[in-house]
Amino acid sequence: MRSRARDRIGTALSASAAAPALALILVLSAQPAQAQTSAQGLPDQLAIIYREANASERDTIEDIAKRLYPDRHDEIDDVIDAIEDEEKAAADVAGFLKSWEGEGSFGASLDTGNTEEWGAYAGAELTRRNNLWEHRFSADFNLREVDGERTEERLNGAYRARRDFRDSPVFAFGSLAYARNPFQGIGRRFTEVVGAGYQIVDTGAIDWEASGGPAMRQTRFTGGTAENRLAVFLDTDFNWDITDTLAFSEQVTLVLDEANTTLTTSTAVTSDLYGNLSARLSFGTIYESDPAPGATGWDTSTRLSVVLGL
């Protein structure tokens, strides 16, 4: 008799989580359920129904379950807590991933300056926005080897944190950048910046900002010498969505110290292809006013790449 009563409860519970149906289950099943012994566990349908119920129905489900099983309140609480903890963890992961956006790109690069040849190119950028904060990671490299000998190598990586202020075009930022270009004589270079910027234009189609501040950079040249210098950092970043499928971007960065000036530019046109895939044509320059011995001051890169939006 108890087994049949328990089966009726489980079947009824799995049929619907709506409050009227649960109220009916309570009326029909309360007496048999109260006669159950503590040796019997909770029906599996309780957890299933609680997961599938709307937020407005869950209190009713919990109340009915505790009436049907008055000696198992702690177990019911454990089931509910486990479900809600699992849902919260899933929501946290989904929220974290949703706040990220970015792209990956790969293609070919024609370089001039310290190298005069075609090479492979790959890059990636990830941006996370959260209220007034923005975190951006970026990296790219050019590489070419002929008969096991490396004839081209450029590597850049950067992280920037930006802090906006409510209803103000002014923002604060900090950044850390790494660069390697051995064919220009730079074994490695770190640049740290803390400064402020101004959002010149921020519309649906155009985003233009300028920023600057003091910087420190540490350079180790391929010849073995090293420099640590205080510098001034200036940057402007312009993005224009010309149409829904065509975009233009321009970035110019200038770092000046007492011995050397580094100018970096990047101009790109990106056109949508299909879904998250785009094609990009870009042209970039790197200028060092005081290059390492044997190196030229100007490097250029013309790139054709496929871009996958993330």
Protein backbone atom coordinates (compact mmCIF):
# COMPACT_ATOMS: atom_id res chain seq x y z
CA MET A 1 0.00 0.00 0.00
CA ARG A 2 2.79 2.38 0.91
CA SER A 3 4.64 1.55 -2.31
CA ARG A 4 1.53 2.26 -4.40
CA ALA A 5 1.00 5.58 -2.57
CA ARG A 6 4.61 6.52 -3.17
CA ASP A 7 4.30 5.68 -6.89
CA ARG A 8 1.18 7.84 -7.15
CA ILE A 9 3.04 10.76 -5.56
CA GLY A 10 6.04 10.41 -7.90
CA THR A 11 3.86 10.10 -11.00
CA ALA A 12 1.76 13.10 -10.05
CA LEU A 13 4.79 15.18 -9.20
CA SER A 14 6.40 14.47 -12.56
CA ALA A 15 3.27 15.41 -14.47
CA SER A 16 3.40 19.15 -13.74
CA ALA A 17 5.05 21.74 -11.56
CA ALA A 18 2.19 24.21 -11.72
CA ALA A 19 0.85 25.42 -8.38
CA PRO A 20 -2.77 24.27 -8.92
CA ALA A 21 -1.66 20.73 -9.82
CA LEU A 22 0.66 20.58 -6.82
CA ALA A 23 -2.14 21.72 -4.55
CA LEU A 24 -4.25 18.85 -5.88
CA ILE A 25 -1.41 16.41 -5.27
CA LEU A 26 -1.20 17.64 -1.68
CA VAL A 27 -4.90 17.05 -1.06
CA LEU A 28 -4.92 13.56 -2.60
CA SER A 29 -1.58 12.34 -1.28
CA ALA A 30 -0.96 13.98 2.10
CA GLN A 31 -2.32 11.18 4.25
CA PRO A 32 -0.56 8.25 2.53
CA ALA A 33 2.70 10.20 2.33
CA GLN A 34 2.70 11.00 6.02
CA ALA A 35 2.53 7.29 6.77
CA GLN A 36 5.83 6.57 5.07
CA THR A 37 8.73 5.43 7.20
CA SER A 38 12.07 7.19 7.37
CA ALA A 39 13.68 4.23 5.58
CA GLN A 40 12.19 5.40 2.30
CA GLY A 41 13.98 8.15 0.37
CA LEU A 42 12.74 11.12 -1.60
CA PRO A 43 11.40 10.48 -5.11
CA ASP A 44 13.78 11.35 -7.93
CA GLN A 45 10.98 13.38 -9.54
CA LEU A 46 11.30 16.03 -6.83
CA ALA A 47 14.70 17.18 -8.11
CA ILE A 48 13.55 16.98 -11.74
CA ILE A 49 10.45 19.08 -11.09
CA TYR A 50 12.38 21.64 -9.05
CA ARG A 51 14.93 22.08 -11.85
CA GLU A 52 12.24 22.58 -14.48
CA ALA A 53 10.02 24.88 -12.41
CA ASN A 54 9.83 28.64 -12.82
CA ALA A 55 11.21 30.79 -10.03
CA SER A 56 7.67 31.72 -8.96
CA GLU A 57 6.75 28.03 -8.55
CA ARG A 58 9.73 26.83 -6.56
CA ASP A 59 8.57 28.02 -3.13
CA THR A 60 5.30 26.16 -3.65
CA ILE A 61 7.12 22.99 -4.69
CA GLU A 62 9.38 23.18 -1.63
CA ASP A 63 6.41 23.74 0.68
CA ILE A 64 4.47 20.80 -0.75
CA ALA A 65 7.49 18.49 -0.64
CA LYS A 66 8.05 19.28 3.03
CA ARG A 67 4.38 18.62 3.80
CA LEU A 68 4.48 15.29 1.98
CA TYR A 69 7.75 14.34 3.71
CA PRO A 70 7.70 16.04 7.14
CA ASP A 71 10.57 13.90 8.46
CA ARG A 72 12.90 14.75 5.56
CA HIS A 73 13.14 18.53 5.62
CA ASP A 74 16.95 18.45 5.81
CA GLU A 75 17.19 16.15 2.79
CA ILE A 76 14.83 18.37 0.82
CA ASP A 77 16.93 21.42 1.73
CA ASP A 78 20.06 19.56 0.59
CA VAL A 79 18.47 18.71 -2.77
CA ILE A 80 17.33 22.30 -3.31
CA ASP A 81 20.67 23.79 -2.22
CA ALA A 82 22.58 21.47 -4.56
CA ILE A 83 20.39 22.44 -7.52
CA GLU A 84 20.64 26.17 -6.81
CA ASP A 85 24.43 25.98 -6.29
CA GLU A 86 24.78 24.16 -9.62
CA GLU A 87 22.60 26.73 -11.39
CA LYS A 88 24.53 29.63 -9.87
CA ALA A 89 27.86 28.14 -10.98
CA ALA A 90 26.51 27.62 -14.52
CA ALA A 91 25.18 31.20 -14.59
CA ASP A 92 28.54 32.56 -13.40
CA VAL A 93 30.39 30.70 -16.17
CA ALA A 94 27.86 31.81 -18.79
CA GLY A 95 28.07 35.42 -17.62
CA PHE A 96 31.88 35.33 -17.67
CA LEU A 97 32.00 33.94 -21.20
CA LYS A 98 29.26 36.26 -22.45
CA SER A 99 31.22 39.34 -21.40
CA TRP A 100 34.15 38.37 -23.64
CA GLU A 101 34.41 39.18 -27.32
CA GLY A 102 37.30 39.00 -29.74
CA GLU A 103 38.76 37.58 -32.91
CA GLY A 104 41.48 35.39 -34.30
CA SER A 105 43.19 35.96 -37.65
CA PHE A 106 45.69 34.23 -39.88
CA GLY A 107 47.07 34.86 -43.33
CA ALA A 108 50.08 36.07 -45.30
CA SER A 109 52.29 39.11 -44.83
CA LEU A 110 54.57 40.93 -47.27
CA ASP A 111 57.29 42.70 -45.30
CA THR A 112 59.82 45.32 -46.30
CA GLY A 113 62.65 47.00 -44.42
CA ASN A 114 64.88 44.66 -42.46
CA THR A 115 63.27 41.72 -44.29
CA GLU A 116 62.02 41.69 -47.88
CA GLU A 117 59.75 38.67 -48.31
CA TRP A 118 56.44 36.96 -47.73
CA GLY A 119 55.74 35.32 -44.40
CA ALA A 120 52.98 33.73 -42.33
CA TYR A 121 50.94 35.89 -39.99
CA ALA A 122 48.60 35.12 -37.08
CA GLY A 123 46.97 37.30 -34.45
CA ALA A 124 44.32 37.30 -31.75
CA GLU A 125 42.49 39.83 -29.61
CA LEU A 126 40.18 39.34 -26.62
CA THR A 127 38.21 42.08 -24.88
CA ARG A 128 36.14 41.85 -21.72
CA ARG A 129 33.81 44.66 -20.69
CA ASN A 130 32.25 44.78 -17.25
CA ASN A 131 30.42 47.91 -16.10
CA LEU A 132 33.07 50.65 -16.14
CA TRP A 133 36.05 48.36 -16.81
CA GLU A 134 37.51 47.05 -20.04
CA HIS A 135 40.30 44.47 -20.29
CA ARG A 136 41.98 43.83 -23.63
CA PHE A 137 44.56 41.19 -24.57
CA SER A 138 46.19 41.12 -27.99
CA ALA A 139 49.01 39.24 -29.69
CA ASP A 140 50.36 38.80 -33.22
CA PHE A 141 53.39 37.35 -34.92
CA ASN A 142 55.05 37.11 -38.33
CA LEU A 143 57.28 34.13 -39.03
CA ARG A 144 59.18 32.69 -41.98
CA GLU A 145 61.81 29.95 -42.29
CA VAL A 146 63.72 28.90 -45.41
CA ASP A 147 65.69 25.63 -45.38
CA GLY A 148 65.55 25.60 -41.59
CA GLU A 149 66.86 29.15 -41.28
CA ARG A 150 64.59 31.78 -39.78
CA THR A 151 64.47 34.80 -42.06
CA GLU A 152 61.67 36.74 -40.37
CA GLU A 153 60.39 36.99 -36.80
CA ARG A 154 58.17 39.63 -35.24
CA LEU A 155 56.22 39.08 -32.06
CA ASN A 156 53.98 41.52 -30.19
CA GLY A 157 51.77 41.07 -27.14
CA ALA A 158 49.87 43.56 -25.02
CA TYR A 159 47.42 43.90 -22.14
CA ARG A 160 45.44 47.06 -21.40
CA ALA A 161 43.01 47.85 -18.59
CA ARG A 162 40.69 50.82 -19.06
CA ARG A 163 38.54 52.44 -16.37
CA ASP A 164 35.69 54.66 -17.56
CA PHE A 165 33.91 57.28 -15.47
CA ARG A 166 30.14 57.62 -15.56
CA ASP A 167 28.83 60.26 -17.99
CA SER A 168 32.37 61.39 -18.80
CA PRO A 169 34.47 61.00 -21.97
CA VAL A 170 37.63 60.85 -19.83
CA PHE A 171 39.09 57.47 -18.87
CA ALA A 172 42.14 56.09 -17.08
CA PHE A 173 44.22 53.20 -18.34
CA GLY A 174 47.27 51.09 -17.73
CA SER A 175 49.05 48.84 -20.21
CA LEU A 176 51.89 46.37 -20.53
CA ALA A 177 53.38 45.55 -23.94
CA TYR A 178 56.00 43.10 -25.16
CA ALA A 179 57.80 43.23 -28.52
CA ARG A 180 60.44 41.12 -30.23
CA ASN A 181 61.95 41.95 -33.63
CA PRO A 182 65.47 40.50 -33.88
CA PHE A 183 65.90 41.55 -37.51
CA GLN A 184 65.51 45.15 -36.33
CA GLY A 185 67.98 44.44 -33.53
CA ILE A 186 65.42 44.14 -30.70
CA GLY A 187 65.76 40.94 -28.71
CA ARG A 188 62.94 41.93 -26.36
CA ARG A 189 61.26 45.09 -25.21
CA PHE A 190 58.78 45.71 -22.38
CA THR A 191 56.77 48.94 -22.17
CA GLU A 192 54.63 49.87 -19.16
CA VAL A 193 52.23 52.83 -19.30
CA VAL A 194 49.85 54.50 -16.84
CA GLY A 195 47.84 57.40 -18.20
CA ALA A 196 44.55 58.97 -19.19
CA GLY A 197 42.52 59.22 -22.36
CA TYR A 198 39.62 61.01 -23.95
CA GLN A 199 36.76 59.51 -25.95
CA ILE A 200 36.61 61.96 -28.85
CA VAL A 201 33.72 60.29 -30.68
CA ASP A 202 31.48 57.44 -29.53
CA THR A 203 28.51 56.85 -31.83
CA GLY A 204 26.95 53.75 -33.27
CA ALA A 205 29.27 53.83 -36.29
CA ILE A 206 32.40 55.69 -35.13
CA ASP A 207 34.63 55.10 -32.12
CA TRP A 208 37.64 57.42 -31.75
CA GLU A 209 39.81 57.84 -28.69
CA ALA A 210 43.16 59.38 -27.81
CA SER A 211 45.34 58.58 -24.80
CA GLY A 212 48.73 59.26 -23.34
CA GLY A 213 50.91 59.18 -20.28
CA PRO A 214 54.33 58.45 -18.85
CA ALA A 215 55.95 55.15 -19.74
CA MET A 216 58.88 52.98 -18.81
CA ARG A 217 60.50 50.67 -21.31
CA GLN A 218 63.23 48.13 -21.03
CA THR A 219 64.98 47.03 -24.22
CA ARG A 220 67.52 44.27 -24.70
CA PHE A 221 69.18 44.41 -28.10
CA THR A 222 70.35 41.36 -30.03
CA GLY A 223 73.92 42.59 -29.64
CA GLY A 224 73.70 42.06 -25.88
CA THR A 225 73.33 45.67 -24.69
CA ALA A 226 70.30 46.86 -22.72
CA GLU A 227 68.49 50.13 -22.01
CA ASN A 228 65.99 51.17 -19.34
CA ARG A 229 64.41 54.53 -20.09
CA LEU A 230 61.59 56.82 -19.03
CA ALA A 231 59.39 57.71 -22.01
CA VAL A 232 56.23 59.46 -23.13
CA PHE A 233 53.42 57.39 -24.62
CA LEU A 234 50.83 58.77 -27.09
CA ASP A 235 48.14 56.79 -28.89
CA THR A 236 45.06 57.33 -31.04
CA ASP A 237 42.62 54.61 -32.08
CA PHE A 238 39.92 55.19 -34.73
CA ASN A 239 37.26 52.66 -35.77
CA TRP A 240 34.52 53.27 -38.33
CA ASP A 241 31.76 50.86 -39.33
CA ILE A 242 31.25 52.16 -42.85
CA THR A 243 28.37 49.74 -43.49
CA ASP A 244 26.98 46.68 -41.74
CA THR A 245 29.57 44.55 -43.55
CA LEU A 246 32.54 46.90 -44.05
CA ALA A 247 34.77 48.46 -41.37
CA PHE A 248 37.84 50.71 -41.32
CA SER A 249 40.36 51.09 -38.49
CA GLU A 250 43.45 53.20 -37.88
CA GLN A 251 45.80 53.13 -34.89
CA VAL A 252 48.90 55.25 -34.34
CA THR A 253 51.19 54.79 -31.34
CA LEU A 254 54.20 56.96 -30.48
CA VAL A 255 56.73 56.28 -27.72
CA LEU A 256 59.46 58.88 -27.18
CA ASP A 257 62.44 58.65 -24.87
CA GLU A 258 65.65 60.68 -24.74
CA ALA A 259 67.50 58.36 -27.14
CA ASN A 260 64.89 56.86 -29.44
CA THR A 261 61.44 57.39 -30.91
CA THR A 262 59.23 54.43 -31.84
CA LEU A 263 56.29 55.00 -34.18
CA THR A 264 53.83 52.19 -34.89
CA THR A 265 50.88 52.50 -37.27
CA SER A 266 48.20 50.09 -38.43
CA THR A 267 45.52 50.71 -41.06
CA ALA A 268 42.97 48.03 -41.92
CA VAL A 269 39.82 47.42 -43.94
CA THR A 270 37.66 44.46 -42.91
CA SER A 271 34.79 43.00 -44.94
CA ASP A 272 32.35 40.35 -43.76
CA LEU A 273 32.36 37.09 -45.73
CA TYR A 274 29.97 34.64 -44.09
CA GLY A 275 28.75 34.32 -40.53
CA ASN A 276 31.67 35.10 -38.20
CA LEU A 277 34.24 34.98 -41.02
CA SER A 278 35.73 38.18 -42.46
CA ALA A 279 38.54 39.16 -44.81
CA ARG A 280 41.01 41.87 -43.83
CA LEU A 281 43.59 43.88 -45.74
CA SER A 282 45.97 45.86 -43.54
CA PHE A 283 49.13 47.92 -43.78
CA GLY A 284 51.42 48.59 -40.83
CA THR A 285 54.68 50.39 -40.16
CA ILE A 286 57.27 50.33 -37.39
CA TYR A 287 59.82 53.13 -37.19
CA GLU A 288 62.83 53.32 -34.87
CA SER A 289 64.71 56.63 -34.97
CA ASP A 290 67.82 55.02 -33.48
CA PRO A 291 67.90 51.44 -34.79
CA ALA A 292 70.45 48.88 -33.71
CA PRO A 293 73.71 48.77 -35.69
CA GLY A 294 73.17 47.11 -39.05
CA ALA A 295 69.37 47.55 -38.97
CA THR A 296 67.20 49.97 -40.90
CA GLY A 297 64.77 52.28 -39.14
CA TRP A 298 61.62 51.41 -41.12
CA ASP A 299 59.72 48.13 -41.31
CA THR A 300 56.42 47.71 -43.14
CA SER A 301 53.89 44.88 -43.31
CA THR A 302 51.11 44.41 -45.83
CA ARG A 303 48.79 41.65 -44.66
CA LEU A 304 45.90 39.73 -46.16
CA SER A 305 44.14 37.61 -43.57
CA VAL A 306 41.00 35.70 -42.71
CA VAL A 307 39.37 36.75 -39.44
CA LEU A 308 37.18 34.59 -37.22
CA GLY A 309 34.99 36.54 -34.80
CA LEU A 310 34.59 35.03 -31.33
